[in-house]
Structure formats: C-alpha cells, structure tokens
C-alpha cells in the first residue's frame, strides 16, 4: 500500500531534506523511523527538497509498505522515534496513482524577514535578518514584475537540476506586520534557491540598490551572475503543497499549527 504523510520540521539541525552519506538529513531520520515501525526498509519520496536551514510547515511525502498498521502508528509511533525538531502531522492511505512530487500542481513558501539594527537571538535561524528599514512599497511594485510564467534563470542556483527554468509564479505577496516582513509565494514549482534569490533581489529593491526596471532587466537577462546574492535560508518555510481534490489531502498547514508564524 501507499501512505502519504504531512510533516513539519525545523531545518536548523539538518543538512537539508535529501538523504546524504553522513545521514544528517530530514529524509534520513524519517526513513529510519518509518523502517522501524514498518519492520522493513522504507524510502520516502517528497513533494520537494528543502536546503540546509530551511524549514517546513507542511512537507508531503509518500512511501510503500506491506505492513498493516493503524494510521496513528505512522503518526504517533513514528514521532516517538524522530528527533524533536521533526514531526509527522498526519497520515493517509493513497492510491498507487498518487506521487508526492509528480501529482503536485503547486508549492507554497513563506519567508519571514526581520528588519532591525540588532540581529535576533530568540528567533535566530527562524527568521531572516537585515539591519536597516526597507521600502516595502517599492518591493511590492517590483514583485509584480515576477508574477506569471517566466524563464527564472536569473533566480536559479548553478547546481539546479530542473529540466526547465520556466516556472509560473502565481503569488508573491509582501505583508509587513508585527515587526516582520512576510513574503508569501506560490508557483507550480520552484527552481533551486529560487525563493531565496527572489527575496534577496527584492531586498536590494527595498534598500534602493535596484528599481522596477532593474528587476525587469534582470528577469530578461536570464543570467544568475547578474543578480544579487542568494539570501540566507533562516526565514524560509515550505507551507503547502497543492494536489488534485481526488486525493483528499490538505493543501496547507493546519491553522492551529501556524499560530506563531501566521
């Protein structure tokens, strides 16, 4: 049978999602815990990879098992074996036509940025930080340039393995509240470092080093070397994955689990 899981995790302690020989990734820890509950080796497939230091409020994975277990065992049982910074939030049996990555039609991310002269301590690693105020109105204007389907090569990491740089950015909202700037992004899919590169570019707009025309030129250039540096991973969260209604899966994190960051 095929089981889908919804996960949340704090990425600070891990070298990203994807399994690595040293074993210190979210996928490595999850596979090991699931294998103990299943009684056989389990390998998970995820909706998308997250980098070292990037968090998830709802990552979706699936795996195959012959073990007959109550769905609660894939939640509470697995959580008992996971590090405290990783939790399975829900489990659901799905058909063989479901694939955590290839069945998804959208991914949503949220980035939290603190603008303050002094770096954060209590929220270190959980929010991005810039030491000066930013022009949020200018950032919103520049964000409009990026909406729609474009070649996002200027926002793509050099090691990106995506077959095409064409992505459809459906949402890029910027909200300023409670001392934070929040970026909400949704696309059919994202290139490697695409969200962090977009945030970094908009930060340059906010501090006056780029304008709307500059962002338009950067998008048209399709050249990563012409863009601002990749911004820090600290404030980035995978918040939702969209699937066709036929699968009956949540498309975003449960509201009560978003209270701190909503």
C-alpha atoms as a PDB file:
ATOM      1  CA  UNK A   1       0.000   0.000   0.000  1.00  0.00           C
ATOM      2  CA  UNK A   2       0.996   3.622  -0.429  1.00  0.00           C
ATOM      3  CA  UNK A   3       0.923   6.034   2.508  1.00  0.00           C
ATOM      4  CA  UNK A   4       1.163   9.843   2.332  1.00  0.00           C
ATOM      5  CA  UNK A   5       2.450  11.865   5.282  1.00  0.00           C
ATOM      6  CA  UNK A   6       2.388  15.562   6.146  1.00  0.00           C
ATOM      7  CA  UNK A   7       5.493  16.748   8.009  1.00  0.00           C
ATOM      8  CA  UNK A   8       6.800  19.800   9.739  1.00  0.00           C
ATOM      9  CA  UNK A   9      10.400  20.360  10.717  1.00  0.00           C
ATOM     10  CA  UNK A  10      12.915  22.880  11.936  1.00  0.00           C
ATOM     11  CA  UNK A  11      15.708  22.758   9.376  1.00  0.00           C
ATOM     12  CA  UNK A  12      18.444  24.267  11.542  1.00  0.00           C
ATOM     13  CA  UNK A  13      19.856  20.936  12.714  1.00  0.00           C
ATOM     14  CA  UNK A  14      19.869  19.237   9.310  1.00  0.00           C
ATOM     15  CA  UNK A  15      21.815  19.324   6.062  1.00  0.00           C
ATOM     16  CA  UNK A  16      18.567  19.732   4.140  1.00  0.00           C
ATOM     17  CA  UNK A  17      15.858  17.246   3.155  1.00  0.00           C
ATOM     18  CA  UNK A  18      17.662  14.978   0.682  1.00  0.00           C
ATOM     19  CA  UNK A  19      19.456  11.887   2.013  1.00  0.00           C
ATOM     20  CA  UNK A  20      23.255  12.116   2.249  1.00  0.00           C
ATOM     21  CA  UNK A  21      26.002   9.650   3.216  1.00  0.00           C
ATOM     22  CA  UNK A  22      26.522  11.273   6.625  1.00  0.00           C
ATOM     23  CA  UNK A  23      22.847  10.652   7.455  1.00  0.00           C
ATOM     24  CA  UNK A  24      22.092  14.051   8.967  1.00  0.00           C
ATOM     25  CA  UNK A  25      19.102  14.984   6.799  1.00  0.00           C
ATOM     26  CA  UNK A  26      15.383  15.043   7.447  1.00  0.00           C
ATOM     27  CA  UNK A  27      14.810  12.248   4.940  1.00  0.00           C
ATOM     28  CA  UNK A  28      17.423  10.033   6.620  1.00  0.00           C
ATOM     29  CA  UNK A  29      15.806  10.465  10.038  1.00  0.00           C
ATOM     30  CA  UNK A  30      12.303   9.883   8.664  1.00  0.00           C
ATOM     31  CA  UNK A  31      13.282   6.800   6.655  1.00  0.00           C
ATOM     32  CA  UNK A  32      14.921   5.264   9.718  1.00  0.00           C
ATOM     33  CA  UNK A  33      11.886   5.877  11.944  1.00  0.00           C
ATOM     34  CA  UNK A  34       9.411   4.585   9.342  1.00  0.00           C
ATOM     35  CA  UNK A  35      11.547   1.477   8.779  1.00  0.00           C
ATOM     36  CA  UNK A  36      11.342   0.634  12.477  1.00  0.00           C
ATOM     37  CA  UNK A  37       7.561   0.943  12.539  1.00  0.00           C
ATOM     38  CA  UNK A  38       7.117  -0.930   9.240  1.00  0.00           C
ATOM     39  CA  UNK A  39       9.579  -3.681  10.087  1.00  0.00           C
ATOM     40  CA  UNK A  40      11.268  -3.343   6.698  1.00  0.00           C
ATOM     41  CA  UNK A  41      13.387  -0.705   4.895  1.00  0.00           C
ATOM     42  CA  UNK A  42      11.336   2.328   3.859  1.00  0.00           C
ATOM     43  CA  UNK A  43      12.342   5.022   1.381  1.00  0.00           C
ATOM     44  CA  UNK A  44      10.272   8.211   1.176  1.00  0.00           C
ATOM     45  CA  UNK A  45       9.681  10.481  -1.819  1.00  0.00           C
ATOM     46  CA  UNK A  46       8.917  14.159  -1.135  1.00  0.00           C
ATOM     47  CA  UNK A  47       6.990  16.957  -2.823  1.00  0.00           C
ATOM     48  CA  UNK A  48      10.204  18.979  -2.961  1.00  0.00           C
ATOM     49  CA  UNK A  49      13.670  19.226  -1.499  1.00  0.00           C
ATOM     50  CA  UNK A  50      14.486  21.870   1.069  1.00  0.00           C
ATOM     51  CA  UNK A  51      18.011  23.185   1.643  1.00  0.00           C
ATOM     52  CA  UNK A  52      20.030  23.148   4.833  1.00  0.00           C
ATOM     53  CA  UNK A  53      18.479  25.560   7.319  1.00  0.00           C
ATOM     54  CA  UNK A  54      15.121  25.722   5.520  1.00  0.00           C
ATOM     55  CA  UNK A  55      12.018  24.737   7.470  1.00  0.00           C
ATOM     56  CA  UNK A  56       8.695  23.106   6.620  1.00  0.00           C
ATOM     57  CA  UNK A  57       5.232  23.720   7.999  1.00  0.00           C
ATOM     58  CA  UNK A  58       3.881  21.159   5.540  1.00  0.00           C
ATOM     59  CA  UNK A  59       6.143  18.902   3.562  1.00  0.00           C
ATOM     60  CA  UNK A  60       4.354  15.957   1.888  1.00  0.00           C
ATOM     61  CA  UNK A  61       5.953  12.572   1.300  1.00  0.00           C
ATOM     62  CA  UNK A  62       4.817   9.112   0.299  1.00  0.00           C
ATOM     63  CA  UNK A  63       6.221   5.621   0.774  1.00  0.00           C
ATOM     64  CA  UNK A  64       5.365   1.988   0.029  1.00  0.00           C
ATOM     65  CA  UNK A  65       4.800  -0.630   2.705  1.00  0.00           C
ATOM     66  CA  UNK A  66       3.401  -4.118   3.104  1.00  0.00           C
ATOM     67  CA  UNK A  67       2.973  -3.599   6.842  1.00  0.00           C
ATOM     68  CA  UNK A  68      -0.585  -3.407   8.161  1.00  0.00           C
ATOM     69  CA  UNK A  69      -0.615  -0.582  10.681  1.00  0.00           C
ATOM     70  CA  UNK A  70      -3.202   1.809  12.062  1.00  0.00           C
ATOM     71  CA  UNK A  71      -2.747   5.279  10.573  1.00  0.00           C
ATOM     72  CA  UNK A  72      -1.985   6.515  14.075  1.00  0.00           C
ATOM     73  CA  UNK A  73       1.145   4.345  14.123  1.00  0.00           C
ATOM     74  CA  UNK A  74       2.512   6.315  11.178  1.00  0.00           C
ATOM     75  CA  UNK A  75       1.997   9.488  13.226  1.00  0.00           C
ATOM     76  CA  UNK A  76       2.470   8.869  16.948  1.00  0.00           C
ATOM     77  CA  UNK A  77       4.659   5.783  16.555  1.00  0.00           C
ATOM     78  CA  UNK A  78       6.984   7.419  14.056  1.00  0.00           C
ATOM     79  CA  UNK A  79       7.124  10.664  16.060  1.00  0.00           C
ATOM     80  CA  UNK A  80       8.338   8.722  19.088  1.00  0.00           C
ATOM     81  CA  UNK A  81      11.394   7.738  17.029  1.00  0.00           C
ATOM     82  CA  UNK A  82      12.075  11.090  15.362  1.00  0.00           C
ATOM     83  CA  UNK A  83      14.185  13.991  16.657  1.00  0.00           C
ATOM     84  CA  UNK A  84      12.144  16.634  18.463  1.00  0.00           C
ATOM     85  CA  UNK A  85      12.605  19.019  15.531  1.00  0.00           C
ATOM     86  CA  UNK A  86      10.717  16.739  13.088  1.00  0.00           C
ATOM     87  CA  UNK A  87       7.071  15.686  13.402  1.00  0.00           C
ATOM     88  CA  UNK A  88       4.585  13.759  11.294  1.00  0.00           C
ATOM     89  CA  UNK A  89       1.330  15.758  11.496  1.00  0.00           C
ATOM     90  CA  UNK A  90      -0.980  13.472   9.509  1.00  0.00           C
ATOM     91  CA  UNK A  91      -1.001  10.166   7.619  1.00  0.00           C
ATOM     92  CA  UNK A  92      -3.359   8.966   4.910  1.00  0.00           C
ATOM     93  CA  UNK A  93      -3.541   5.932   2.677  1.00  0.00           C
ATOM     94  CA  UNK A  94      -3.495   6.918  -1.010  1.00  0.00           C
ATOM     95  CA  UNK A  95      -3.843   5.096  -4.310  1.00  0.00           C
ATOM     96  CA  UNK A  96      -0.973   3.964  -6.479  1.00  0.00           C
ATOM     97  CA  UNK A  97      -1.689   6.895  -8.795  1.00  0.00           C
ATOM     98  CA  UNK A  98      -0.522   9.360  -6.121  1.00  0.00           C
ATOM     99  CA  UNK A  99       3.035  10.672  -6.164  1.00  0.00           C
ATOM    100  CA  UNK A 100       4.144  13.294  -3.633  1.00  0.00           C
ATOM    101  CA  UNK A 101       6.195  15.148  -6.239  1.00  0.00           C
ATOM    102  CA  UNK A 102       4.612  14.476  -9.620  1.00  0.00           C
ATOM    103  CA  UNK A 103       0.959  14.738  -8.513  1.00  0.00           C
ATOM    104  CA  UNK A 104       1.519  18.213  -7.040  1.00  0.00           C
ATOM    105  CA  UNK A 105       0.360  21.199  -9.074  1.00  0.00           C
ATOM    106  CA  UNK A 106       1.682  23.912  -6.725  1.00  0.00           C
ATOM    107  CA  UNK A 107       4.053  24.614  -3.876  1.00  0.00           C
ATOM    108  CA  UNK A 108       3.802  27.489  -1.404  1.00  0.00           C
ATOM    109  CA  UNK A 109       6.583  29.087   0.615  1.00  0.00           C
ATOM    110  CA  UNK A 110       6.681  31.807   3.243  1.00  0.00           C
ATOM    111  CA  UNK A 111       9.701  33.896   4.171  1.00  0.00           C
ATOM    112  CA  UNK A 112       9.940  35.958   7.371  1.00  0.00           C
ATOM    113  CA  UNK A 113      12.369  38.871   7.437  1.00  0.00           C
ATOM    114  CA  UNK A 114      13.222  40.941  10.498  1.00  0.00           C
ATOM    115  CA  UNK A 115      14.455  44.465   9.788  1.00  0.00           C
ATOM    116  CA  UNK A 116      16.179  45.806  12.893  1.00  0.00           C
ATOM    117  CA  UNK A 117      19.586  47.279  13.723  1.00  0.00           C
ATOM    118  CA  UNK A 118      20.326  44.354  16.060  1.00  0.00           C
ATOM    119  CA  UNK A 119      20.371  40.700  14.961  1.00  0.00           C
ATOM    120  CA  UNK A 120      17.792  38.364  16.537  1.00  0.00           C
ATOM    121  CA  UNK A 121      18.676  35.956  19.328  1.00  0.00           C
ATOM    122  CA  UNK A 122      15.489  34.113  20.344  1.00  0.00           C
ATOM    123  CA  UNK A 123      14.390  33.751  16.721  1.00  0.00           C
ATOM    124  CA  UNK A 124      17.888  33.183  15.305  1.00  0.00           C
ATOM    125  CA  UNK A 125      17.688  30.656  12.495  1.00  0.00           C
ATOM    126  CA  UNK A 126      13.917  31.043  12.260  1.00  0.00           C
ATOM    127  CA  UNK A 127      13.725  34.458  10.598  1.00  0.00           C
ATOM    128  CA  UNK A 128      15.927  36.226   8.074  1.00  0.00           C
ATOM    129  CA  UNK A 129      17.519  39.483   9.185  1.00  0.00           C
ATOM    130  CA  UNK A 130      18.504  42.794   7.614  1.00  0.00           C
ATOM    131  CA  UNK A 131      19.924  45.642   9.662  1.00  0.00           C
ATOM    132  CA  UNK A 132      18.109  48.587   8.055  1.00  0.00           C
ATOM    133  CA  UNK A 133      14.482  49.552   7.210  1.00  0.00           C
ATOM    134  CA  UNK A 134      13.294  48.628   3.712  1.00  0.00           C
ATOM    135  CA  UNK A 135      10.926  50.361   1.293  1.00  0.00           C
ATOM    136  CA  UNK A 136       8.133  47.783   1.263  1.00  0.00           C
ATOM    137  CA  UNK A 137       6.043  49.708  -1.284  1.00  0.00           C
ATOM    138  CA  UNK A 138       8.928  49.594  -3.770  1.00  0.00           C
ATOM    139  CA  UNK A 139       9.372  45.888  -3.102  1.00  0.00           C
ATOM    140  CA  UNK A 140       5.686  45.252  -3.802  1.00  0.00           C
ATOM    141  CA  UNK A 141       5.912  47.144  -7.093  1.00  0.00           C
ATOM    142  CA  UNK A 142       8.950  45.124  -8.172  1.00  0.00           C
ATOM    143  CA  UNK A 143       7.276  41.875  -7.130  1.00  0.00           C
ATOM    144  CA  UNK A 144       4.584  42.423  -9.760  1.00  0.00           C
ATOM    145  CA  UNK A 145       7.231  42.067 -12.480  1.00  0.00           C
ATOM    146  CA  UNK A 146       7.903  38.497 -11.396  1.00  0.00           C
ATOM    147  CA  UNK A 147       4.309  37.246 -11.415  1.00  0.00           C
ATOM    148  CA  UNK A 148       3.262  34.946 -14.236  1.00  0.00           C
ATOM    149  CA  UNK A 149       5.209  32.425 -16.300  1.00  0.00           C
ATOM    150  CA  UNK A 150       8.823  33.359 -16.927  1.00  0.00           C
ATOM    151  CA  UNK A 151      12.265  31.952 -17.505  1.00  0.00           C
ATOM    152  CA  UNK A 152      13.683  32.316 -13.980  1.00  0.00           C
ATOM    153  CA  UNK A 153      17.301  31.518 -14.913  1.00  0.00           C
ATOM    154  CA  UNK A 154      18.477  34.700 -13.134  1.00  0.00           C
ATOM    155  CA  UNK A 155      16.995  33.287  -9.916  1.00  0.00           C
ATOM    156  CA  UNK A 156      18.295  29.736 -10.336  1.00  0.00           C
ATOM    157  CA  UNK A 157      21.219  28.166  -8.472  1.00  0.00           C
ATOM    158  CA  UNK A 158      24.056  26.963 -10.691  1.00  0.00           C
ATOM    159  CA  UNK A 159      23.605  23.408  -9.355  1.00  0.00           C
ATOM    160  CA  UNK A 160      19.857  23.365 -10.076  1.00  0.00           C
ATOM    161  CA  UNK A 161      18.814  20.084 -11.711  1.00  0.00           C
ATOM    162  CA  UNK A 162      15.393  21.194 -13.023  1.00  0.00           C
ATOM    163  CA  UNK A 163      14.866  20.358 -16.695  1.00  0.00           C
ATOM    164  CA  UNK A 164      13.390  23.773 -17.483  1.00  0.00           C
ATOM    165  CA  UNK A 165      13.784  27.260 -15.947  1.00  0.00           C
ATOM    166  CA  UNK A 166      10.200  28.115 -16.969  1.00  0.00           C
ATOM    167  CA  UNK A 167       8.016  28.419 -13.875  1.00  0.00           C
ATOM    168  CA  UNK A 168       4.638  30.035 -13.231  1.00  0.00           C
ATOM    169  CA  UNK A 169       4.769  32.281 -10.160  1.00  0.00           C
ATOM    170  CA  UNK A 170       1.123  32.618  -9.126  1.00  0.00           C
ATOM    171  CA  UNK A 171       1.509  34.575  -5.894  1.00  0.00           C
ATOM    172  CA  UNK A 172       4.085  36.963  -4.475  1.00  0.00           C
ATOM    173  CA  UNK A 173       2.555  38.933  -1.622  1.00  0.00           C
ATOM    174  CA  UNK A 174       4.548  41.100   0.767  1.00  0.00           C
ATOM    175  CA  UNK A 175       2.997  41.906   4.145  1.00  0.00           C
ATOM    176  CA  UNK A 176       4.514  43.994   6.918  1.00  0.00           C
ATOM    177  CA  UNK A 177       3.233  43.175  10.392  1.00  0.00           C
ATOM    178  CA  UNK A 178       4.404  42.649  13.960  1.00  0.00           C
ATOM    179  CA  UNK A 179       7.889  43.888  13.139  1.00  0.00           C
ATOM    180  CA  UNK A 180       8.393  41.379  10.321  1.00  0.00           C
ATOM    181  CA  UNK A 181       8.161  41.485   6.547  1.00  0.00           C
ATOM    182  CA  UNK A 182       6.429  38.358   5.267  1.00  0.00           C
ATOM    183  CA  UNK A 183       6.764  37.106   1.715  1.00  0.00           C
ATOM    184  CA  UNK A 184       4.112  34.601   0.518  1.00  0.00           C
ATOM    185  CA  UNK A 185       4.951  32.794  -2.727  1.00  0.00           C
ATOM    186  CA  UNK A 186       3.100  30.120  -4.706  1.00  0.00           C
ATOM    187  CA  UNK A 187       4.182  28.573  -8.002  1.00  0.00           C
ATOM    188  CA  UNK A 188       3.673  25.400  -9.967  1.00  0.00           C
ATOM    189  CA  UNK A 189       7.221  24.532  -8.883  1.00  0.00           C
ATOM    190  CA  UNK A 190      10.351  26.343  -7.765  1.00  0.00           C
ATOM    191  CA  UNK A 191      13.923  26.177  -9.009  1.00  0.00           C
ATOM    192  CA  UNK A 192      16.780  25.532  -6.600  1.00  0.00           C
ATOM    193  CA  UNK A 193      17.267  28.665  -4.444  1.00  0.00           C
ATOM    194  CA  UNK A 194      14.546  30.481  -6.421  1.00  0.00           C
ATOM    195  CA  UNK A 195      12.656  31.779  -3.373  1.00  0.00           C
ATOM    196  CA  UNK A 196      15.813  32.917  -1.586  1.00  0.00           C
ATOM    197  CA  UNK A 197      17.054  34.601  -4.757  1.00  0.00           C
ATOM    198  CA  UNK A 198      13.742  36.413  -5.227  1.00  0.00           C
ATOM    199  CA  UNK A 199      13.790  37.596  -1.608  1.00  0.00           C
ATOM    200  CA  UNK A 200      17.410  38.726  -1.992  1.00  0.00           C
ATOM    201  CA  UNK A 201      16.568  40.684  -5.138  1.00  0.00           C
ATOM    202  CA  UNK A 202      13.556  42.358  -3.517  1.00  0.00           C
ATOM    203  CA  UNK A 203      15.726  43.276  -0.540  1.00  0.00           C
ATOM    204  CA  UNK A 204      18.016  45.125  -2.965  1.00  0.00           C
ATOM    205  CA  UNK A 205      14.940  46.960  -4.215  1.00  0.00           C
ATOM    206  CA  UNK A 206      13.919  47.782  -0.662  1.00  0.00           C
ATOM    207  CA  UNK A 207      17.295  49.282   0.183  1.00  0.00           C
ATOM    208  CA  UNK A 208      17.397  51.307  -3.038  1.00  0.00           C
ATOM    209  CA  UNK A 209      20.036  49.374  -4.999  1.00  0.00           C
ATOM    210  CA  UNK A 210      17.545  48.159  -7.635  1.00  0.00           C
ATOM    211  CA  UNK A 211      14.308  49.539  -9.088  1.00  0.00           C
ATOM    212  CA  UNK A 212      11.424  48.005 -11.020  1.00  0.00           C
ATOM    213  CA  UNK A 213      13.210  48.475 -14.341  1.00  0.00           C
ATOM    214  CA  UNK A 214      16.272  46.777 -12.893  1.00  0.00           C
ATOM    215  CA  UNK A 215      14.249  43.742 -11.864  1.00  0.00           C
ATOM    216  CA  UNK A 216      12.689  43.607 -15.338  1.00  0.00           C
ATOM    217  CA  UNK A 217      16.158  43.702 -16.887  1.00  0.00           C
ATOM    218  CA  UNK A 218      17.390  41.021 -14.526  1.00  0.00           C
ATOM    219  CA  UNK A 219      14.491  38.727 -15.410  1.00  0.00           C
ATOM    220  CA  UNK A 220      15.091  39.291 -19.123  1.00  0.00           C
ATOM    221  CA  UNK A 221      18.858  38.668 -18.784  1.00  0.00           C
ATOM    222  CA  UNK A 222      18.363  35.024 -17.730  1.00  0.00           C
ATOM    223  CA  UNK A 223      21.790  35.196 -16.127  1.00  0.00           C
ATOM    224  CA  UNK A 224      22.297  34.313 -12.465  1.00  0.00           C
ATOM    225  CA  UNK A 225      25.652  36.136 -12.338  1.00  0.00           C
ATOM    226  CA  UNK A 226      23.891  39.476 -12.827  1.00  0.00           C
ATOM    227  CA  UNK A 227      21.589  39.043  -9.807  1.00  0.00           C
ATOM    228  CA  UNK A 228      22.085  39.875  -6.119  1.00  0.00           C
ATOM    229  CA  UNK A 229      23.456  37.147  -3.820  1.00  0.00           C
ATOM    230  CA  UNK A 230      21.305  34.295  -2.555  1.00  0.00           C
ATOM    231  CA  UNK A 231      19.706  35.373   0.718  1.00  0.00           C
ATOM    232  CA  UNK A 232      20.007  33.404   3.963  1.00  0.00           C
ATOM    233  CA  UNK A 233      17.805  30.287   4.431  1.00  0.00           C
ATOM    234  CA  UNK A 234      16.825  31.085   8.019  1.00  0.00           C
ATOM    235  CA  UNK A 235      13.362  32.580   7.446  1.00  0.00           C
ATOM    236  CA  UNK A 236      12.161  30.214   4.720  1.00  0.00           C
ATOM    237  CA  UNK A 237       9.290  27.759   5.271  1.00  0.00           C
ATOM    238  CA  UNK A 238       7.570  25.317   2.923  1.00  0.00           C
ATOM    239  CA  UNK A 239       3.943  25.962   3.899  1.00  0.00           C
ATOM    240  CA  UNK A 240       1.791  23.965   1.492  1.00  0.00           C
ATOM    241  CA  UNK A 241       1.591  21.624  -1.480  1.00  0.00           C
ATOM    242  CA  UNK A 242      -1.393  21.621  -3.820  1.00  0.00           C
ATOM    243  CA  UNK A 243      -2.865  18.332  -5.095  1.00  0.00           C
ATOM    244  CA  UNK A 244      -5.985  17.479  -7.124  1.00  0.00           C
ATOM    245  CA  UNK A 245      -9.086  17.136  -4.950  1.00  0.00           C
ATOM    246  CA  UNK A 246      -9.378  13.435  -5.802  1.00  0.00           C
ATOM    247  CA  UNK A 247      -6.565  12.647  -3.357  1.00  0.00           C
ATOM    248  CA  UNK A 248      -8.301  14.351  -0.417  1.00  0.00           C
ATOM    249  CA  UNK A 249      -5.080  15.738   1.064  1.00  0.00           C
ATOM    250  CA  UNK A 250      -4.617  19.029   2.954  1.00  0.00           C
ATOM    251  CA  UNK A 251      -3.129  21.767   0.771  1.00  0.00           C
ATOM    252  CA  UNK A 252      -1.608  23.780   3.614  1.00  0.00           C
ATOM    253  CA  UNK A 253      -0.566  23.504   7.241  1.00  0.00           C
ATOM    254  CA  UNK A 254      -3.328  23.248   9.825  1.00  0.00           C
ATOM    255  CA  UNK A 255      -4.253  26.749  11.080  1.00  0.00           C
ATOM    256  CA  UNK A 256      -3.617  25.942  14.740  1.00  0.00           C
ATOM    257  CA  UNK A 257      -0.053  24.941  13.853  1.00  0.00           C
ATOM    258  CA  UNK A 258       0.509  28.252  12.099  1.00  0.00           C
ATOM    259  CA  UNK A 259      -0.350  30.480  15.066  1.00  0.00           C
ATOM    260  CA  UNK A 260       3.240  31.561  15.761  1.00  0.00           C
ATOM    261  CA  UNK A 261       4.023  32.457  12.155  1.00  0.00           C
ATOM    262  CA  UNK A 262       0.700  33.380  10.559  1.00  0.00           C
END
